[in-house]
PDB file of N, CA and C in Angstrom:
ATOM      1  N   MET A   1       0.846  -1.178   0.000  1.00  0.00           N
ATOM      2  CA  MET A   1       0.000   0.000   0.000  1.00  0.00           C
ATOM      3  C   MET A   1       0.894   1.245   0.000  1.00  0.00           C
ATOM      4  N   ILE A   2       0.552   2.202  -0.811  1.00  0.00           N
ATOM      5  CA  ILE A   2       1.383   3.390  -0.978  1.00  0.00           C
ATOM      6  C   ILE A   2       1.466   4.216   0.317  1.00  0.00           C
ATOM      7  N   MET A   3       0.363   4.272   1.063  1.00  0.00           N
ATOM      8  CA  MET A   3       0.364   5.045   2.319  1.00  0.00           C
ATOM      9  C   MET A   3       1.344   4.446   3.320  1.00  0.00           C
ATOM     10  N   ASP A   4       1.458   3.137   3.338  1.00  0.00           N
ATOM     11  CA  ASP A   4       2.406   2.474   4.238  1.00  0.00           C
ATOM     12  C   ASP A   4       3.842   2.873   3.892  1.00  0.00           C
ATOM     13  N   ARG A   5       4.159   2.893   2.626  1.00  0.00           N
ATOM     14  CA  ARG A   5       5.515   3.252   2.200  1.00  0.00           C
ATOM     15  C   ARG A   5       5.841   4.706   2.523  1.00  0.00           C
ATOM     16  N   ILE A   6       4.883   5.587   2.278  1.00  0.00           N
ATOM     17  CA  ILE A   6       5.088   6.999   2.594  1.00  0.00           C
ATOM     18  C   ILE A   6       5.305   7.176   4.093  1.00  0.00           C
ATOM     19  N   ALA A   7       4.489   6.500   4.891  1.00  0.00           N
ATOM     20  CA  ALA A   7       4.630   6.596   6.345  1.00  0.00           C
ATOM     21  C   ALA A   7       5.983   6.061   6.807  1.00  0.00           C
ATOM     22  N   LEU A   8       6.423   4.957   6.221  1.00  0.00           N
ATOM     23  CA  LEU A   8       7.727   4.403   6.598  1.00  0.00           C
ATOM     24  C   LEU A   8       8.866   5.344   6.219  1.00  0.00           C
ATOM     25  N   ILE A   9       8.786   5.945   5.039  1.00  0.00           N
ATOM     26  CA  ILE A   9       9.827   6.880   4.604  1.00  0.00           C
ATOM     27  C   ILE A   9       9.880   8.081   5.545  1.00  0.00           C
ATOM     28  N   LEU A  10       8.713   8.640   5.877  1.00  0.00           N
ATOM     29  CA  LEU A  10       8.684   9.789   6.784  1.00  0.00           C
ATOM     30  C   LEU A  10       9.187   9.422   8.175  1.00  0.00           C
ATOM     31  N   THR A  11       8.867   8.214   8.627  1.00  0.00           N
ATOM     32  CA  THR A  11       9.330   7.766   9.938  1.00  0.00           C
ATOM     33  C   THR A  11      10.851   7.601   9.945  1.00  0.00           C
ATOM     34  N   VAL A  12      11.411   7.093   8.872  1.00  0.00           N
ATOM     35  CA  VAL A  12      12.869   6.969   8.769  1.00  0.00           C
ATOM     36  C   VAL A  12      13.515   8.347   8.756  1.00  0.00           C
ATOM     37  N   ILE A  13      12.933   9.281   8.029  1.00  0.00           N
ATOM     38  CA  ILE A  13      13.459  10.645   8.023  1.00  0.00           C
ATOM     39  C   ILE A  13      13.439  11.232   9.429  1.00  0.00           C
ATOM     40  N   GLY A  14      12.341  11.014  10.142  1.00  0.00           N
ATOM     41  CA  GLY A  14      12.254  11.485  11.525  1.00  0.00           C
ATOM     42  C   GLY A  14      13.293  10.831  12.418  1.00  0.00           C
ATOM     43  N   ALA A  15      13.504   9.542  12.220  1.00  0.00           N
ATOM     44  CA  ALA A  15      14.516   8.838  13.026  1.00  0.00           C
ATOM     45  C   ALA A  15      15.915   9.360  12.746  1.00  0.00           C
ATOM     46  N   LEU A  16      16.204   9.629  11.480  1.00  0.00           N
ATOM     47  CA  LEU A  16      17.518  10.184  11.145  1.00  0.00           C
ATOM     48  C   LEU A  16      17.698  11.574  11.757  1.00  0.00           C
ATOM     49  N   ASN A  17      16.634  12.364  11.742  1.00  0.00           N
ATOM     50  CA  ASN A  17      16.719  13.686  12.364  1.00  0.00           C
ATOM     51  C   ASN A  17      16.965  13.569  13.867  1.00  0.00           C
ATOM     52  N   TRP A  18      16.240  12.661  14.531  1.00  0.00           N
ATOM     53  CA  TRP A  18      16.458  12.453  15.965  1.00  0.00           C
ATOM     54  C   TRP A  18      17.866  11.933  16.240  1.00  0.00           C
ATOM     55  N   GLY A  19      18.360  11.081  15.355  1.00  0.00           N
ATOM     56  CA  GLY A  19      19.735  10.600  15.515  1.00  0.00           C
ATOM     57  C   GLY A  19      20.743  11.728  15.419  1.00  0.00           C
ATOM     58  N   SER A  20      20.521  12.640  14.486  1.00  0.00           N
ATOM     59  CA  SER A  20      21.448  13.773  14.361  1.00  0.00           C
ATOM     60  C   SER A  20      21.356  14.701  15.563  1.00  0.00           C
ATOM     61  N   ILE A  21      20.170  14.809  16.153  1.00  0.00           N
ATOM     62  CA  ILE A  21      20.030  15.616  17.371  1.00  0.00           C
ATOM     63  C   ILE A  21      20.769  14.946  18.525  1.00  0.00           C
ATOM     64  N   GLY A  22      20.583  13.638  18.657  1.00  0.00           N
ATOM     65  CA  GLY A  22      21.222  12.915  19.762  1.00  0.00           C
ATOM     66  C   GLY A  22      22.730  12.854  19.651  1.00  0.00           C
ATOM     67  N   LEU A  23      23.233  12.646  18.449  1.00  0.00           N
ATOM     68  CA  LEU A  23      24.679  12.492  18.279  1.00  0.00           C
ATOM     69  C   LEU A  23      25.417  13.813  18.134  1.00  0.00           C
ATOM     70  N   PHE A  24      24.807  14.751  17.427  1.00  0.00           N
ATOM     71  CA  PHE A  24      25.527  15.975  17.069  1.00  0.00           C
ATOM     72  C   PHE A  24      24.871  17.252  17.575  1.00  0.00           C
ATOM     73  N   GLN A  25      23.740  17.113  18.281  1.00  0.00           N
ATOM     74  CA  GLN A  25      22.956  18.259  18.729  1.00  0.00           C
ATOM     75  C   GLN A  25      22.641  19.187  17.556  1.00  0.00           C
ATOM     76  N   PHE A  26      22.267  18.582  16.436  1.00  0.00           N
ATOM     77  CA  PHE A  26      21.977  19.329  15.217  1.00  0.00           C
ATOM     78  C   PHE A  26      20.632  18.880  14.661  1.00  0.00           C
ATOM     79  N   ASP A  27      19.667  19.786  14.636  1.00  0.00           N
ATOM     80  CA  ASP A  27      18.326  19.502  14.134  1.00  0.00           C
ATOM     81  C   ASP A  27      18.277  19.863  12.652  1.00  0.00           C
ATOM     82  N   ILE A  28      18.280  18.849  11.806  1.00  0.00           N
ATOM     83  CA  ILE A  28      18.320  19.060  10.354  1.00  0.00           C
ATOM     84  C   ILE A  28      17.071  19.793   9.876  1.00  0.00           C
ATOM     85  N   VAL A  29      15.908  19.407  10.371  1.00  0.00           N
ATOM     86  CA  VAL A  29      14.664  20.039   9.948  1.00  0.00           C
ATOM     87  C   VAL A  29      14.672  21.520  10.311  1.00  0.00           C
ATOM     88  N   ALA A  30      15.060  21.833  11.523  1.00  0.00           N
ATOM     89  CA  ALA A  30      15.110  23.233  11.946  1.00  0.00           C
ATOM     90  C   ALA A  30      16.117  24.014  11.112  1.00  0.00           C
ATOM     91  N   TRP A  31      17.232  23.396  10.801  1.00  0.00           N
ATOM     92  CA  TRP A  31      18.265  24.061  10.003  1.00  0.00           C
ATOM     93  C   TRP A  31      17.758  24.382   8.597  1.00  0.00           C
ATOM     94  N   ILE A  32      17.060  23.417   7.990  1.00  0.00           N
ATOM     95  CA  ILE A  32      16.547  23.616   6.637  1.00  0.00           C
ATOM     96  C   ILE A  32      15.405  24.636   6.617  1.00  0.00           C
ATOM     97  N   CYS A  33      14.561  24.609   7.651  1.00  0.00           N
ATOM     98  CA  CYS A  33      13.325  25.391   7.627  1.00  0.00           C
ATOM     99  C   CYS A  33      13.402  26.704   8.398  1.00  0.00           C
ATOM    100  N   GLY A  34      14.530  27.031   8.972  1.00  0.00           N
ATOM    101  CA  GLY A  34      14.661  28.320   9.643  1.00  0.00           C
ATOM    102  C   GLY A  34      14.310  28.331  11.117  1.00  0.00           C
ATOM    103  N   GLY A  35      14.511  27.234  11.794  1.00  0.00           N
ATOM    104  CA  GLY A  35      14.278  27.174  13.238  1.00  0.00           C
ATOM    105  C   GLY A  35      13.155  26.229  13.604  1.00  0.00           C
ATOM    106  N   GLN A  36      13.180  25.795  14.869  1.00  0.00           N
ATOM    107  CA  GLN A  36      12.184  24.829  15.334  1.00  0.00           C
ATOM    108  C   GLN A  36      10.782  25.404  15.401  1.00  0.00           C
ATOM    109  N   SER A  37      10.664  26.691  15.625  1.00  0.00           N
ATOM    110  CA  SER A  37       9.340  27.279  15.793  1.00  0.00           C
ATOM    111  C   SER A  37       8.748  27.822  14.497  1.00  0.00           C
ATOM    112  N   SER A  38       9.462  27.672  13.377  1.00  0.00           N
ATOM    113  CA  SER A  38       8.898  28.143  12.107  1.00  0.00           C
ATOM    114  C   SER A  38       7.713  27.262  11.719  1.00  0.00           C
ATOM    115  N   LEU A  39       6.797  27.832  10.977  1.00  0.00           N
ATOM    116  CA  LEU A  39       5.593  27.100  10.585  1.00  0.00           C
ATOM    117  C   LEU A  39       5.937  25.848   9.781  1.00  0.00           C
ATOM    118  N   LEU A  40       6.875  25.957   8.854  1.00  0.00           N
ATOM    119  CA  LEU A  40       7.246  24.803   8.029  1.00  0.00           C
ATOM    120  C   LEU A  40       7.835  23.674   8.881  1.00  0.00           C
ATOM    121  N   SER A  41       8.695  24.009   9.838  1.00  0.00           N
ATOM    122  CA  SER A  41       9.259  22.989  10.728  1.00  0.00           C
ATOM    123  C   SER A  41       8.167  22.294  11.522  1.00  0.00           C
ATOM    124  N   ARG A  42       7.244  23.066  12.035  1.00  0.00           N
ATOM    125  CA  ARG A  42       6.158  22.485  12.828  1.00  0.00           C
ATOM    126  C   ARG A  42       5.286  21.578  11.977  1.00  0.00           C
ATOM    127  N   ILE A  43       5.061  21.951  10.726  1.00  0.00           N
ATOM    128  CA  ILE A  43       4.282  21.098   9.827  1.00  0.00           C
ATOM    129  C   ILE A  43       5.028  19.785   9.575  1.00  0.00           C
ATOM    130  N   ILE A  44       6.323  19.877   9.322  1.00  0.00           N
ATOM    131  CA  ILE A  44       7.116  18.669   9.080  1.00  0.00           C
ATOM    132  C   ILE A  44       7.125  17.772  10.313  1.00  0.00           C
ATOM    133  N   TYR A  45       7.339  18.354  11.502  1.00  0.00           N
ATOM    134  CA  TYR A  45       7.325  17.559  12.732  1.00  0.00           C
ATOM    135  C   TYR A  45       5.976  16.868  12.912  1.00  0.00           C
ATOM    136  N   THR A  46       4.884  17.574  12.610  1.00  0.00           N
ATOM    137  CA  THR A  46       3.545  17.011  12.764  1.00  0.00           C
ATOM    138  C   THR A  46       3.308  15.877  11.778  1.00  0.00           C
ATOM    139  N   VAL A  47       3.691  16.069  10.522  1.00  0.00           N
ATOM    140  CA  VAL A  47       3.499  15.031   9.508  1.00  0.00           C
ATOM    141  C   VAL A  47       4.323  13.790   9.848  1.00  0.00           C
ATOM    142  N   VAL A  48       5.549  13.979  10.301  1.00  0.00           N
ATOM    143  CA  VAL A  48       6.385  12.834  10.687  1.00  0.00           C
ATOM    144  C   VAL A  48       5.781  12.120  11.890  1.00  0.00           C
ATOM    145  N   GLY A  49       5.252  12.875  12.841  1.00  0.00           N
ATOM    146  CA  GLY A  49       4.587  12.264  13.994  1.00  0.00           C
ATOM    147  C   GLY A  49       3.368  11.452  13.591  1.00  0.00           C
ATOM    148  N   LEU A  50       2.572  11.995  12.678  1.00  0.00           N
ATOM    149  CA  LEU A  50       1.406  11.254  12.179  1.00  0.00           C
ATOM    150  C   LEU A  50       1.827   9.995  11.432  1.00  0.00           C
ATOM    151  N   ALA A  51       2.937  10.080  10.707  1.00  0.00           N
ATOM    152  CA  ALA A  51       3.458   8.894  10.018  1.00  0.00           C
ATOM    153  C   ALA A  51       3.860   7.820  11.030  1.00  0.00           C
ATOM    154  N   GLY A  52       4.455   8.248  12.136  1.00  0.00           N
ATOM    155  CA  GLY A  52       4.812   7.297  13.183  1.00  0.00           C
ATOM    156  C   GLY A  52       3.596   6.605  13.768  1.00  0.00           C
ATOM    157  N   ILE A  53       2.528   7.371  13.961  1.00  0.00           N
ATOM    158  CA  ILE A  53       1.281   6.787  14.460  1.00  0.00           C
ATOM    159  C   ILE A  53       0.725   5.793  13.445  1.00  0.00           C
ATOM    160  N   TRP A  54       0.780   6.146  12.163  1.00  0.00           N
ATOM    161  CA  TRP A  54       0.309   5.229  11.108  1.00  0.00           C
ATOM    162  C   TRP A  54       1.111   3.927  11.141  1.00  0.00           C
ATOM    163  N   CYS A  55       2.426   4.041  11.382  1.00  0.00           N
ATOM    164  CA  CYS A  55       3.290   2.855  11.382  1.00  0.00           C
ATOM    165  C   CYS A  55       2.962   1.901  12.522  1.00  0.00           C
ATOM    166  N   ILE A  56       2.318   2.396  13.560  1.00  0.00           N
ATOM    167  CA  ILE A  56       1.875   1.498  14.633  1.00  0.00           C
ATOM    168  C   ILE A  56       0.927   0.451  14.063  1.00  0.00           C
ATOM    169  N   SER A  57       0.085   0.866  13.118  1.00  0.00           N
ATOM    170  CA  SER A  57      -0.849  -0.091  12.515  1.00  0.00           C
ATOM    171  C   SER A  57      -0.111  -1.171  11.742  1.00  0.00           C
ATOM    172  N   LEU A  58       1.062  -0.857  11.212  1.00  0.00           N
ATOM    173  CA  LEU A  58       1.842  -1.857  10.479  1.00  0.00           C
ATOM    174  C   LEU A  58       2.270  -3.006  11.388  1.00  0.00           C
ATOM    175  N   ILE A  59       2.544  -2.697  12.621  1.00  0.00           N
ATOM    176  CA  ILE A  59       2.954  -3.725  13.581  1.00  0.00           C
ATOM    177  C   ILE A  59       1.843  -4.764  13.734  1.00  0.00           C
ATOM    178  N   PHE A  60       0.611  -4.272  13.897  1.00  0.00           N
ATOM    179  CA  PHE A  60      -0.506  -5.185  14.118  1.00  0.00           C
ATOM    180  C   PHE A  60      -0.899  -5.910  12.836  1.00  0.00           C
ATOM    181  N   ARG A  61      -0.780  -5.225  11.688  1.00  0.00           N
ATOM    182  CA  ARG A  61      -1.090  -5.888  10.433  1.00  0.00           C
ATOM    183  C   ARG A  61      -0.066  -6.969  10.125  1.00  0.00           C
ATOM    184  N   ALA A  62       1.189  -6.725  10.448  1.00  0.00           N
ATOM    185  CA  ALA A  62       2.225  -7.738  10.232  1.00  0.00           C
ATOM    186  C   ALA A  62       1.945  -8.955  11.113  1.00  0.00           C
ATOM    187  N   ARG A  63       1.500  -8.738  12.328  1.00  0.00           N
ATOM    188  CA  ARG A  63       1.185  -9.824  13.240  1.00  0.00           C
ATOM    189  C   ARG A  63       0.011 -10.644  12.714  1.00  0.00           C
ATOM    190  N   GLU A  64      -1.028  -9.955  12.208  1.00  0.00           N
ATOM    191  CA  GLU A  64      -2.192 -10.663  11.669  1.00  0.00           C
ATOM    192  C   GLU A  64      -1.802 -11.517  10.461  1.00  0.00           C
ATOM    193  N   THR A  65      -0.941 -10.988   9.603  1.00  0.00           N
ATOM    194  CA  THR A  65      -0.480 -11.720   8.433  1.00  0.00           C
ATOM    195  C   THR A  65       0.311 -12.950   8.863  1.00  0.00           C
ATOM    196  N   PHE A  66       1.181 -12.797   9.869  1.00  0.00           N
ATOM    197  CA  PHE A  66       1.963 -13.911  10.386  1.00  0.00           C
ATOM    198  C   PHE A  66       1.045 -14.985  10.967  1.00  0.00           C
ATOM    199  N   ASP A  67       0.023 -14.559  11.713  1.00  0.00           N
ATOM    200  CA  ASP A  67      -0.910 -15.520  12.301  1.00  0.00           C
ATOM    201  C   ASP A  67      -1.687 -16.258  11.216  1.00  0.00           C
ATOM    202  N   GLU A  68      -2.046 -15.570  10.134  1.00  0.00           N
ATOM    203  CA  GLU A  68      -2.759 -16.225   9.034  1.00  0.00           C
ATOM    204  C   GLU A  68      -1.877 -17.269   8.363  1.00  0.00           C
ATOM    205  N   ILE A  69      -0.611 -16.951   8.193  1.00  0.00           N
ATOM    206  CA  ILE A  69       0.322 -17.897   7.570  1.00  0.00           C
ATOM    207  C   ILE A  69       0.515 -19.123   8.439  1.00  0.00           C
ATOM    208  N   GLU A  70       0.652 -18.907   9.756  1.00  0.00           N
ATOM    209  CA  GLU A  70       0.833 -20.014  10.678  1.00  0.00           C
ATOM    210  C   GLU A  70      -0.405 -20.900  10.741  1.00  0.00           C
ATOM    211  N   GLY A  71      -1.589 -20.293  10.639  1.00  0.00           N
ATOM    212  CA  GLY A  71      -2.835 -21.041  10.745  1.00  0.00           C
ATOM    213  C   GLY A  71      -3.138 -21.872   9.513  1.00  0.00           C
ATOM    214  N   SER A  72      -2.480 -21.574   8.412  1.00  0.00           N
ATOM    215  CA  SER A  72      -2.767 -22.285   7.152  1.00  0.00           C
ATOM    216  C   SER A  72      -2.242 -23.691   7.177  1.00  0.00           C
TER     217      SER A  72
END
């Protein structure tokens, strides 16, 4: 499903940004968009957060698929 792929890509981007914050104290999104409080940065943070929430559903769908395979 295309939405799953988009959500995974955005979640990976968010993870890489968090990694750069943790390792280098450098927020890539804020740097590109002109600060953490800029409207564009806040939109990106929100979209990445929503993608993370969407990815939670992937965990349960993967489990259901695994259970169906085992039950066959």
